[in-house]
Amino acid sequence: MRNLFSSLSTIFKFPSIITTTTIAKPSNHHWSYRTMTTAARMDFETTLKGKYPAKRHAQRVADYIRNKVPGASGLLYLEGRATKLLEDNDEAEPFRQRRYFYYLTGCPLADCHYMYDLDADKSTLFIPPIDPDSVIWSGLPVSVDEAKQRWDVDDVRYTSDVNATLAQVGSTKPKGSSVFAIPNQVSDKVTFLEFDNKNFSILKEAIEVTRVVKDEYELAIMAKANEISSDGHKAVMQKVKHVQNERELEAVFLGHCIAKGARNQAYHSIVASGRAAATLHYVPNNADMAGKLNLLLDAGGEWDCYASDITRTFPINGKFTKESREIYDIVLKMQNECIAALKEGVLWDDVHLLAHKIAIDGLLQIGILQGDKDEILESRTSVAFFPHGLGHYLGMDTHDTGGNPNYADKDTMFRYLRVRGRLPAGSVITVEPGIYFCNFIIEPFLKDPKHSKYINADVLDKYWDVGGVRIEDNLVITKDGTYNLTTAPKDPEEMEKIIQQS
């Protein structure tokens, strides 16, 4: 996958703002998204040799704010994550940079600050000064000159200069200027005395909306994360029949990611064998695997603060049972047909509904469901087997911003759908259908006459040991379709071959 995109810039001409919202588009930005094909791929490693486009992100956020707050003038102010010690310990907690801060800076350092002058189009990063006592233990920190070379900002200063710089810049602003910040993410020692208005309502929203559409560099980062993670999934397939416990396979995936440079994980891996795969976000990863049919691996490494999110389900002994293969084929069809339906402007609700229709057809064919398929859909009985949403936006967070979910939706089919609305070109979304055999979820349906008439309990009894099957890929939405960033094997015969030959 080294040549994942050859010349992505010829395929995507990235905007400085999001045109799928109400943001005004500058006349000097002419751009479009076209379908990405295997014949037109770019070497994402070449793209990643450049700088993360933080300044362009700041400009996009500024455009959004000006659209919502006409005549907006002043500063954007953000703080990175501060170092925090473990409770009752002198060691620091594992560090995770604030995503709002990273989006405008590309800086992964702790204890940093940032401001962007809306009127001067000038960004300033503040990094911690040298602490001689700390150097003894941790070595020299990044210097001002090094920071200027690494990150796409106009100026770099030390954090000891934050308040003085705020005061100096604020004193030059006309009356009525604002400082825009995020609630509960401003240190007590920071003051905004020189600004007439303090706006804590729009900056977070602006960043969350602009993050939905990815630029060329962001897609290259996500391609890198997917390359490492896809290979990690294959590595687990090669080991699955040689281990005794789930934790050994978790170690295989983590070890592969760390060896390839992806030390951080996008989320806690799900390594679920047998019936444990019916638990959507299974946590323990420590069960013995003897006598179990399948393994569901939901795991994704992170690269430069951007996530991958991949799920594969495969037979532990290298050969699907009849029942397991039937369910796998249904889920694979759900995924393939949903991916084929995707392109710019598609309503995600409609694609999720399509997945349920395919699931119903498949479960009717093998006899788990019975009756009229339209009545089954209307009754929402399929939710017993496919209880979650089809997917979610992906970016710096696994469940990324901008999806506008409605968890109060009274329709159980759509309640857990993390994206509501139409998909813009340049967004990245997961497509992760699944069918599960979870006693806790299904038994209430079996006791409810509204649903039980559509479920053949005798046939269902043959499938409990399948546990659950989920297949998940990461898709870039284009004008005419999608591009799949995920390359982990998912063809059932190919996976069986990998396991058998390991």
Protein backbone atom coordinates (compact mmCIF):
# COMPACT_ATOMS: atom_id res chain seq x y z
CA MET A 1 0.00 0.00 0.00
CA ARG A 2 3.03 2.26 -0.25
CA ASN A 3 1.56 3.70 -3.47
CA LEU A 4 -1.91 4.02 -2.03
CA PHE A 5 -2.70 7.19 -3.92
CA SER A 6 -0.56 8.24 -6.86
CA SER A 7 -1.04 11.98 -7.11
CA LEU A 8 -3.96 12.45 -4.81
CA SER A 9 -3.86 16.14 -5.62
CA THR A 10 -5.07 15.30 -9.12
CA ILE A 11 -8.05 13.52 -7.63
CA PHE A 12 -8.92 15.83 -4.76
CA LYS A 13 -8.53 19.59 -4.90
CA PHE A 14 -9.05 20.36 -1.26
CA PRO A 15 -11.11 23.29 -0.05
CA SER A 16 -10.10 25.81 2.57
CA ILE A 17 -13.60 25.45 3.94
CA ILE A 18 -16.49 22.98 3.93
CA THR A 19 -18.99 23.66 1.18
CA THR A 20 -21.54 21.16 2.46
CA THR A 21 -22.38 23.51 5.34
CA THR A 22 -23.52 27.11 5.23
CA ILE A 23 -19.95 28.41 5.05
CA ALA A 24 -19.25 30.93 2.37
CA LYS A 25 -16.69 29.69 -0.17
CA PRO A 26 -13.90 32.11 -1.12
CA SER A 27 -13.85 32.83 -4.82
CA ASN A 28 -10.16 31.95 -5.11
CA HIS A 29 -10.74 28.32 -4.13
CA HIS A 30 -11.76 26.20 -7.12
CA TRP A 31 -12.00 22.60 -6.10
CA SER A 32 -13.78 19.36 -6.69
CA TYR A 33 -13.71 15.75 -5.62
CA ARG A 34 -13.45 13.02 -8.24
CA THR A 35 -13.57 9.29 -7.83
CA MET A 36 -10.30 7.82 -6.56
CA THR A 37 -9.30 4.75 -8.57
CA THR A 38 -6.55 2.18 -8.25
CA ALA A 39 -5.03 3.64 -11.42
CA ALA A 40 -4.59 7.00 -9.72
CA ARG A 41 -2.81 6.51 -6.41
CA MET A 42 -0.38 8.58 -4.52
CA ASP A 43 2.64 7.67 -2.51
CA PHE A 44 1.31 8.80 0.86
CA GLU A 45 4.79 8.56 2.36
CA THR A 46 5.83 11.44 0.10
CA THR A 47 2.91 13.54 1.29
CA LEU A 48 3.80 12.81 4.91
CA LYS A 49 7.27 14.26 4.41
CA GLY A 50 5.60 17.66 4.32
CA LYS A 51 4.10 19.59 7.21
CA TYR A 52 0.69 18.94 8.69
CA PRO A 53 -1.44 21.77 7.19
CA ALA A 54 -2.33 23.47 10.47
CA LYS A 55 -2.46 26.99 9.03
CA ARG A 56 -4.99 25.93 6.40
CA HIS A 57 -7.08 24.32 9.13
CA ALA A 58 -7.01 27.57 11.11
CA GLN A 59 -8.21 29.46 8.03
CA ARG A 60 -11.07 27.02 7.50
CA VAL A 61 -12.13 27.37 11.11
CA ALA A 62 -11.91 31.16 10.81
CA ASP A 63 -14.13 31.09 7.71
CA TYR A 64 -16.72 29.05 9.58
CA ILE A 65 -16.72 31.51 12.49
CA ARG A 66 -17.03 34.53 10.20
CA ASN A 67 -20.02 32.89 8.57
CA LYS A 68 -21.69 32.34 11.94
CA VAL A 69 -20.48 35.61 13.51
CA PRO A 70 -20.41 38.26 10.75
CA GLY A 71 -17.59 40.71 11.18
CA ALA A 72 -15.79 38.49 13.66
CA SER A 73 -12.50 40.04 14.76
CA GLY A 74 -9.94 39.06 17.34
CA LEU A 75 -8.22 35.82 18.31
CA LEU A 76 -8.73 32.09 18.43
CA TYR A 77 -7.16 30.69 21.60
CA LEU A 78 -6.48 27.04 22.39
CA GLU A 79 -4.47 25.03 24.87
CA GLY A 80 -2.96 21.60 24.41
CA ARG A 81 -3.31 18.90 27.02
CA ALA A 82 -1.40 19.61 30.23
CA THR A 83 0.88 17.12 31.90
CA LYS A 84 -0.96 15.41 34.76
CA LEU A 85 0.43 13.00 37.31
CA LEU A 86 -1.16 9.70 38.14
CA GLU A 87 -3.10 9.79 41.37
CA ASP A 88 -0.81 9.11 44.37
CA ASN A 89 2.18 8.76 42.05
CA ASP A 90 5.00 10.84 40.62
CA GLU A 91 4.63 9.40 37.12
CA ALA A 92 2.69 11.24 34.41
CA GLU A 93 -0.57 9.86 33.08
CA PRO A 94 -0.44 8.49 29.53
CA PHE A 95 -0.56 11.58 27.33
CA ARG A 96 -3.17 12.15 24.64
CA GLN A 97 -3.10 15.49 22.85
CA ARG A 98 -6.30 17.51 22.68
CA ARG A 99 -7.68 17.05 19.22
CA TYR A 100 -8.99 20.63 18.89
CA PHE A 101 -5.48 21.92 19.61
CA TYR A 102 -3.79 19.42 17.31
CA TYR A 103 -6.08 20.30 14.40
CA LEU A 104 -4.82 23.89 14.40
CA THR A 105 -1.17 23.17 15.24
CA GLY A 106 -0.10 19.62 14.37
CA CYS A 107 1.89 19.82 17.59
CA PRO A 108 1.91 16.69 19.82
CA LEU A 109 3.73 18.30 22.78
CA ALA A 110 2.19 18.64 26.23
CA ASP A 111 1.67 21.97 28.01
CA CYS A 112 1.45 24.15 24.89
CA HIS A 113 -0.76 27.12 23.97
CA TYR A 114 -1.86 28.58 20.64
CA MET A 115 -3.44 31.70 19.23
CA TYR A 116 -4.56 32.67 15.77
CA ASP A 117 -5.10 36.33 14.87
CA LEU A 118 -8.22 36.44 12.71
CA ASP A 119 -7.38 39.87 11.31
CA ALA A 120 -3.68 39.35 10.59
CA ASP A 121 -3.99 35.67 9.56
CA LYS A 122 -1.12 34.92 11.94
CA SER A 123 -0.70 31.81 14.08
CA THR A 124 1.48 31.59 17.17
CA LEU A 125 2.47 28.44 19.04
CA PHE A 126 3.70 28.63 22.62
CA ILE A 127 5.92 25.78 23.82
CA PRO A 128 7.28 25.07 27.29
CA PRO A 129 10.62 26.76 28.09
CA ILE A 130 13.67 24.79 29.14
CA ASP A 131 13.48 23.56 32.72
CA PRO A 132 17.05 22.68 33.80
CA ASP A 133 15.82 20.24 36.46
CA SER A 134 13.73 18.40 33.87
CA VAL A 135 16.59 18.16 31.40
CA ILE A 136 18.47 15.90 33.82
CA TRP A 137 15.72 13.29 33.56
CA SER A 138 14.11 13.85 30.19
CA GLY A 139 16.68 15.52 27.98
CA LEU A 140 16.38 18.80 26.15
CA PRO A 141 12.88 19.81 25.00
CA VAL A 142 11.99 21.06 21.54
CA SER A 143 13.49 24.52 20.96
CA VAL A 144 11.77 27.51 19.35
CA ASP A 145 13.80 27.08 16.16
CA GLU A 146 13.04 23.35 15.98
CA ALA A 147 9.33 24.03 16.50
CA LYS A 148 9.32 26.54 13.63
CA GLN A 149 10.83 23.89 11.38
CA ARG A 150 8.43 21.11 12.43
CA TRP A 151 5.04 22.77 12.56
CA ASP A 152 2.98 24.93 10.23
CA VAL A 153 2.75 28.08 12.36
CA ASP A 154 3.93 31.63 11.75
CA ASP A 155 5.61 32.25 15.09
CA VAL A 156 6.79 30.22 18.08
CA ARG A 157 7.29 31.59 21.59
CA TYR A 158 7.57 30.20 25.09
CA THR A 159 4.54 29.64 27.30
CA SER A 160 5.92 32.20 29.74
CA ASP A 161 4.98 34.81 27.11
CA VAL A 162 1.29 33.84 26.73
CA ASN A 163 -0.33 36.53 28.86
CA ALA A 164 1.98 39.28 27.65
CA THR A 165 1.27 38.37 24.04
CA LEU A 166 -2.48 38.24 24.64
CA ALA A 167 -2.34 41.69 26.21
CA GLN A 168 -0.16 43.12 23.44
CA VAL A 169 -2.33 41.74 20.63
CA GLY A 170 -5.55 42.65 22.41
CA SER A 171 -4.44 46.25 22.85
CA THR A 172 -4.15 46.64 19.06
CA LYS A 173 -7.66 45.37 18.34
CA PRO A 174 -10.61 47.67 17.67
CA LYS A 175 -13.36 47.95 20.23
CA GLY A 176 -15.72 44.97 20.15
CA SER A 177 -13.07 42.40 19.27
CA SER A 178 -13.44 38.91 20.67
CA VAL A 179 -11.31 36.08 21.92
CA PHE A 180 -12.76 32.72 20.90
CA ALA A 181 -11.98 29.77 23.18
CA ILE A 182 -13.36 26.41 24.30
CA PRO A 183 -15.13 26.14 27.68
CA ASN A 184 -13.14 24.41 30.43
CA GLN A 185 -10.00 24.41 28.29
CA VAL A 186 -8.47 27.68 29.46
CA SER A 187 -5.98 27.70 32.33
CA ASP A 188 -6.76 29.78 35.38
CA LYS A 189 -3.53 31.74 34.92
CA VAL A 190 -4.54 32.92 31.43
CA THR A 191 -6.34 36.27 31.15
CA PHE A 192 -8.28 37.91 28.34
CA LEU A 193 -8.47 41.39 29.88
CA GLU A 194 -7.79 43.31 26.66
CA PHE A 195 -10.73 41.80 24.79
CA ASP A 196 -14.24 43.23 25.08
CA ASN A 197 -15.93 39.94 24.23
CA LYS A 198 -15.17 36.38 25.31
CA ASN A 199 -16.89 33.87 23.06
CA PHE A 200 -16.93 30.30 24.42
CA SER A 201 -19.70 29.00 22.17
CA ILE A 202 -18.52 28.81 18.56
CA LEU A 203 -14.88 27.65 18.37
CA LYS A 204 -15.53 24.06 19.43
CA GLU A 205 -18.40 23.77 16.95
CA ALA A 206 -16.32 25.31 14.18
CA ILE A 207 -13.49 22.81 14.62
CA GLU A 208 -15.87 19.86 14.91
CA VAL A 209 -17.60 20.76 11.65
CA THR A 210 -14.45 21.51 9.66
CA ARG A 211 -12.85 18.26 10.81
CA VAL A 212 -15.44 16.23 8.87
CA VAL A 213 -13.91 16.90 5.45
CA LYS A 214 -10.31 15.74 5.30
CA ASP A 215 -7.53 17.27 3.21
CA GLU A 216 -4.85 15.43 1.28
CA TYR A 217 -2.44 15.30 4.20
CA GLU A 218 -5.05 13.98 6.63
CA LEU A 219 -6.00 11.22 4.20
CA ALA A 220 -2.34 10.30 3.86
CA ILE A 221 -2.05 9.97 7.64
CA MET A 222 -5.14 7.78 7.74
CA ALA A 223 -3.81 5.68 4.88
CA LYS A 224 -0.63 5.11 6.89
CA ALA A 225 -2.62 4.11 9.97
CA ASN A 226 -4.70 1.74 7.86
CA GLU A 227 -1.65 0.17 6.23
CA ILE A 228 -0.09 -0.70 9.58
CA SER A 229 -3.36 -1.87 11.12
CA SER A 230 -4.38 -3.94 8.09
CA ASP A 231 -1.06 -5.75 8.24
CA GLY A 232 -1.61 -6.21 11.98
CA HIS A 233 -4.92 -7.94 11.33
CA LYS A 234 -3.22 -10.29 8.90
CA ALA A 235 -0.53 -11.01 11.49
CA VAL A 236 -3.24 -12.06 13.96
CA MET A 237 -4.78 -14.36 11.36
CA GLN A 238 -1.40 -16.03 10.95
CA LYS A 239 -1.17 -16.67 14.71
CA VAL A 240 -4.77 -17.44 15.63
CA LYS A 241 -4.62 -21.23 15.48
CA HIS A 242 -1.35 -21.38 17.41
CA VAL A 243 -2.40 -19.63 20.64
CA GLN A 244 -4.51 -20.54 23.62
CA ASN A 245 -5.77 -17.19 24.93
CA GLU A 246 -7.19 -13.96 23.49
CA ARG A 247 -4.52 -11.88 25.22
CA GLU A 248 -1.83 -13.52 23.09
CA LEU A 249 -3.51 -12.19 19.96
CA GLU A 250 -3.94 -8.74 21.46
CA ALA A 251 -0.17 -8.82 22.07
CA VAL A 252 0.44 -9.79 18.43
CA PHE A 253 -1.52 -6.79 17.15
CA LEU A 254 -0.03 -4.32 19.62
CA GLY A 255 3.47 -5.59 18.99
CA HIS A 256 3.04 -5.24 15.23
CA CYS A 257 1.78 -1.65 15.55
CA ILE A 258 4.57 -0.60 17.90
CA ALA A 259 7.22 -2.21 15.70
CA LYS A 260 5.89 -0.20 12.74
CA GLY A 261 5.87 3.08 14.66
CA ALA A 262 2.20 3.24 15.67
CA ARG A 263 2.73 3.16 19.42
CA ASN A 264 -0.70 4.58 20.27
CA GLN A 265 -3.94 2.73 19.63
CA ALA A 266 -7.05 4.49 18.37
CA TYR A 267 -9.11 2.55 20.94
CA HIS A 268 -8.92 -0.46 23.21
CA SER A 269 -8.68 -3.55 21.01
CA ILE A 270 -11.58 -6.01 20.95
CA VAL A 271 -10.25 -9.58 20.75
CA ALA A 272 -13.38 -11.69 21.20
CA SER A 273 -13.52 -15.43 20.70
CA GLY A 274 -16.63 -17.59 20.44
CA ARG A 275 -19.79 -16.19 21.99
CA ALA A 276 -17.90 -13.19 23.38
CA ALA A 277 -18.05 -11.73 19.87
CA ALA A 278 -21.74 -11.02 20.51
CA THR A 279 -20.65 -8.26 22.93
CA LEU A 280 -20.12 -5.21 20.74
CA HIS A 281 -17.37 -3.58 22.79
CA TYR A 282 -15.95 -6.64 24.53
CA VAL A 283 -13.21 -5.55 26.96
CA PRO A 284 -11.53 -8.47 28.83
CA ASN A 285 -9.49 -10.00 25.97
CA ASN A 286 -8.37 -12.76 28.32
CA ALA A 287 -10.53 -15.82 27.64
CA ASP A 288 -9.22 -19.21 26.66
CA MET A 289 -10.06 -20.05 23.06
CA ALA A 290 -10.24 -23.85 23.14
CA GLY A 291 -13.36 -25.26 21.51
CA LYS A 292 -14.53 -21.92 20.09
CA LEU A 293 -15.40 -21.30 16.46
CA ASN A 294 -14.47 -17.76 15.49
CA LEU A 295 -12.45 -14.73 16.51
CA LEU A 296 -13.72 -11.18 16.09
CA LEU A 297 -10.83 -8.71 16.02
CA ASP A 298 -11.72 -5.01 16.16
CA ALA A 299 -8.42 -3.14 16.40
CA GLY A 300 -6.84 -0.04 14.93
CA GLY A 301 -3.55 1.72 15.41
CA GLU A 302 -3.11 5.48 15.34
CA TRP A 303 -0.67 7.53 13.29
CA ASP A 304 0.07 11.15 14.22
CA CYS A 305 -3.19 11.45 16.19
CA TYR A 306 -5.36 9.99 13.38
CA ALA A 307 -7.26 6.74 13.79
CA SER A 308 -7.87 3.57 11.87
CA ASP A 309 -10.81 1.35 12.85
CA ILE A 310 -10.86 -2.14 11.35
CA THR A 311 -12.80 -5.30 12.19
CA ARG A 312 -12.36 -8.80 10.84
CA THR A 313 -14.02 -12.08 11.87
CA PHE A 314 -12.41 -15.40 10.98
CA PRO A 315 -12.38 -19.09 11.98
CA ILE A 316 -9.92 -19.99 14.72
CA ASN A 317 -9.07 -23.37 13.19
CA GLY A 318 -8.91 -22.07 9.63
CA LYS A 319 -12.27 -23.34 8.38
CA PHE A 320 -15.69 -21.73 8.83
CA THR A 321 -18.47 -24.02 9.98
CA LYS A 322 -21.58 -24.10 7.80
CA GLU A 323 -23.46 -21.78 10.16
CA SER A 324 -20.54 -19.40 10.58
CA ARG A 325 -20.01 -19.13 6.83
CA GLU A 326 -23.69 -18.45 6.23
CA ILE A 327 -23.63 -15.53 8.65
CA TYR A 328 -20.29 -14.28 7.34
CA ASP A 329 -21.60 -14.23 3.78
CA ILE A 330 -24.66 -12.24 4.82
CA VAL A 331 -22.53 -9.65 6.60
CA LEU A 332 -20.08 -9.42 3.71
CA LYS A 333 -22.98 -8.81 1.34
CA MET A 334 -24.32 -6.15 3.67
CA GLN A 335 -20.97 -4.39 3.60
CA ASN A 336 -20.32 -4.73 -0.13
CA GLU A 337 -23.73 -3.43 -1.16
CA CYS A 338 -23.63 -0.57 1.34
CA ILE A 339 -20.20 0.49 0.10
CA ALA A 340 -21.48 0.36 -3.49
CA ALA A 341 -24.30 2.73 -2.51
CA LEU A 342 -21.97 5.40 -1.14
CA LYS A 343 -21.01 8.67 -2.77
CA GLU A 344 -21.17 12.38 -2.05
CA GLY A 345 -24.62 13.50 -0.88
CA VAL A 346 -25.97 10.07 0.06
CA LEU A 347 -28.20 10.04 3.14
CA TRP A 348 -26.57 7.79 5.73
CA ASP A 349 -29.96 6.75 7.13
CA ASP A 350 -30.77 5.22 3.75
CA VAL A 351 -27.56 3.18 3.67
CA HIS A 352 -28.18 1.92 7.21
CA LEU A 353 -31.71 0.92 6.16
CA LEU A 354 -30.26 -0.93 3.16
CA ALA A 355 -28.03 -2.94 5.50
CA HIS A 356 -31.05 -4.06 7.52
CA LYS A 357 -32.93 -5.08 4.37
CA ILE A 358 -30.02 -7.25 3.24
CA ALA A 359 -29.72 -8.75 6.72
CA ILE A 360 -33.42 -9.63 6.71
CA ASP A 361 -33.17 -11.27 3.28
CA GLY A 362 -30.20 -13.33 4.41
CA LEU A 363 -31.69 -14.40 7.72
CA LEU A 364 -34.92 -15.37 5.95
CA GLN A 365 -32.99 -17.49 3.48
CA ILE A 366 -31.26 -19.54 6.19
CA GLY A 367 -34.46 -19.80 8.26
CA ILE A 368 -33.64 -17.77 11.38
CA LEU A 369 -36.30 -15.28 10.36
CA GLN A 370 -39.68 -16.24 8.94
CA GLY A 371 -42.64 -14.36 7.51
CA ASP A 372 -43.00 -11.31 5.30
CA LYS A 373 -39.79 -9.31 4.94
CA ASP A 374 -41.58 -5.96 4.82
CA GLU A 375 -43.42 -6.76 8.04
CA ILE A 376 -40.17 -7.83 9.68
CA LEU A 377 -38.55 -4.55 8.68
CA GLU A 378 -41.53 -2.54 9.91
CA SER A 379 -41.56 -4.37 13.25
CA ARG A 380 -37.79 -3.70 13.68
CA THR A 381 -37.22 -7.36 14.55
CA SER A 382 -33.89 -7.29 12.70
CA VAL A 383 -32.57 -4.97 15.43
CA ALA A 384 -32.30 -8.09 17.60
CA PHE A 385 -29.47 -9.28 15.37
CA PHE A 386 -28.04 -5.96 14.12
CA PRO A 387 -28.48 -3.56 17.06
CA HIS A 388 -25.88 -0.88 16.29
CA GLY A 389 -25.39 1.77 13.64
CA LEU A 390 -23.75 0.98 10.32
CA GLY A 391 -20.74 3.19 10.99
CA HIS A 392 -19.37 6.55 12.06
CA TYR A 393 -17.09 9.33 10.92
CA LEU A 394 -13.40 8.61 11.43
CA GLY A 395 -10.55 11.04 11.93
CA MET A 396 -8.59 12.16 14.95
CA ASP A 397 -11.15 10.37 17.09
CA THR A 398 -12.45 6.88 16.40
CA HIS A 399 -16.01 8.13 16.74
CA ASP A 400 -15.18 11.42 15.10
CA THR A 401 -16.97 14.74 15.29
CA GLY A 402 -19.71 16.12 13.07
CA GLY A 403 -22.04 13.11 12.95
CA ASN A 404 -25.00 14.73 14.74
CA PRO A 405 -26.39 11.50 16.25
CA ASN A 406 -29.82 11.40 17.86
CA TYR A 407 -29.66 8.90 20.70
CA ALA A 408 -33.16 9.94 21.76
CA ASP A 409 -34.63 8.67 18.49
CA LYS A 410 -37.64 6.51 19.32
CA ASP A 411 -37.01 4.35 16.26
CA THR A 412 -34.78 1.57 17.56
CA MET A 413 -33.34 0.97 14.11
CA PHE A 414 -31.78 4.45 14.02
CA ARG A 415 -31.20 5.22 17.72
CA TYR A 416 -27.54 4.23 17.73
CA LEU A 417 -26.69 5.63 14.30
CA ARG A 418 -23.70 7.91 14.94
CA VAL A 419 -24.07 9.83 11.66
CA ARG A 420 -27.32 11.47 10.61
CA GLY A 421 -27.45 13.43 7.39
CA ARG A 422 -25.80 13.45 3.98
CA LEU A 423 -22.17 12.50 3.48
CA PRO A 424 -19.83 15.17 2.09
CA ALA A 425 -17.01 14.32 -0.28
CA GLY A 426 -13.74 14.10 1.58
CA SER A 427 -15.26 12.65 4.73
CA VAL A 428 -14.08 9.27 6.01
CA ILE A 429 -16.68 6.87 7.34
CA THR A 430 -16.58 3.33 8.63
CA VAL A 431 -18.87 0.71 7.12
CA GLU A 432 -19.24 -2.00 9.76
CA PRO A 433 -22.36 -4.15 9.48
CA GLY A 434 -22.73 -7.09 11.81
CA ILE A 435 -24.99 -9.93 12.87
CA TYR A 436 -24.80 -11.08 16.49
CA PHE A 437 -26.28 -13.83 18.62
CA CYS A 438 -26.45 -12.18 22.03
CA ASN A 439 -28.78 -13.88 24.51
CA PHE A 440 -29.34 -10.70 26.50
CA ILE A 441 -30.53 -8.82 23.41
CA ILE A 442 -32.40 -11.57 21.57
CA GLU A 443 -34.29 -13.25 24.43
CA PRO A 444 -36.62 -10.26 25.03
CA PHE A 445 -37.54 -10.42 21.34
CA LEU A 446 -38.32 -14.12 21.70
CA LYS A 447 -40.67 -13.32 24.61
CA ASP A 448 -42.47 -10.53 22.76
CA PRO A 449 -45.23 -11.81 20.41
CA LYS A 450 -44.69 -8.77 18.20
CA HIS A 451 -41.25 -10.15 17.30
CA SER A 452 -41.26 -13.85 18.21
CA LYS A 453 -43.60 -14.74 15.36
CA TYR A 454 -40.84 -13.72 12.95
CA ILE A 455 -38.04 -15.73 14.64
CA ASN A 456 -37.66 -19.50 14.29
CA ALA A 457 -36.20 -20.41 17.68
CA ASP A 458 -35.32 -23.95 16.63
CA VAL A 459 -33.18 -22.74 13.74
CA LEU A 460 -31.73 -19.95 15.89
CA ASP A 461 -30.42 -22.52 18.38
CA LYS A 462 -27.92 -23.73 15.77
CA TYR A 463 -26.24 -20.32 15.60
CA TRP A 464 -25.48 -19.25 19.18
CA ASP A 465 -21.89 -20.49 18.98
CA VAL A 466 -21.23 -18.31 15.94
CA GLY A 467 -21.15 -15.48 18.47
CA GLY A 468 -21.04 -12.48 16.23
CA VAL A 469 -19.69 -11.41 12.85
CA ARG A 470 -18.66 -7.87 12.04
CA ILE A 471 -16.65 -6.59 9.05
CA GLU A 472 -15.39 -3.01 9.12
CA ASP A 473 -13.51 -0.89 6.58
CA ASN A 474 -12.63 2.81 6.40
CA LEU A 475 -14.04 4.58 3.32
CA VAL A 476 -13.21 7.96 1.81
CA ILE A 477 -16.33 9.50 0.28
CA THR A 478 -15.81 10.90 -3.22
CA LYS A 479 -18.05 12.65 -5.72
CA ASP A 480 -18.88 9.43 -7.53
CA GLY A 481 -18.23 6.71 -4.97
CA THR A 482 -15.63 5.78 -2.38
CA TYR A 483 -12.04 4.78 -1.89
CA ASN A 484 -11.33 2.03 0.63
CA LEU A 485 -8.32 2.76 2.84
CA THR A 486 -8.49 -0.68 4.47
CA THR A 487 -6.61 -3.59 2.92
CA ALA A 488 -6.89 -6.29 5.60
CA PRO A 489 -8.05 -9.59 4.04
CA LYS A 490 -11.79 -10.22 4.27
CA ASP A 491 -12.50 -12.71 1.49
CA PRO A 492 -13.49 -15.84 3.44
CA GLU A 493 -11.41 -18.25 1.33
CA GLU A 494 -8.39 -15.97 1.53
CA MET A 495 -8.62 -15.72 5.31
CA GLU A 496 -9.02 -19.50 5.63
CA LYS A 497 -5.95 -19.98 3.44
CA ILE A 498 -3.86 -17.57 5.52
CA ILE A 499 -4.81 -19.37 8.73
CA GLN A 500 -4.35 -22.87 7.33
CA GLN A 501 -0.94 -22.09 5.85
CA SER A 502 0.37 -20.32 8.93
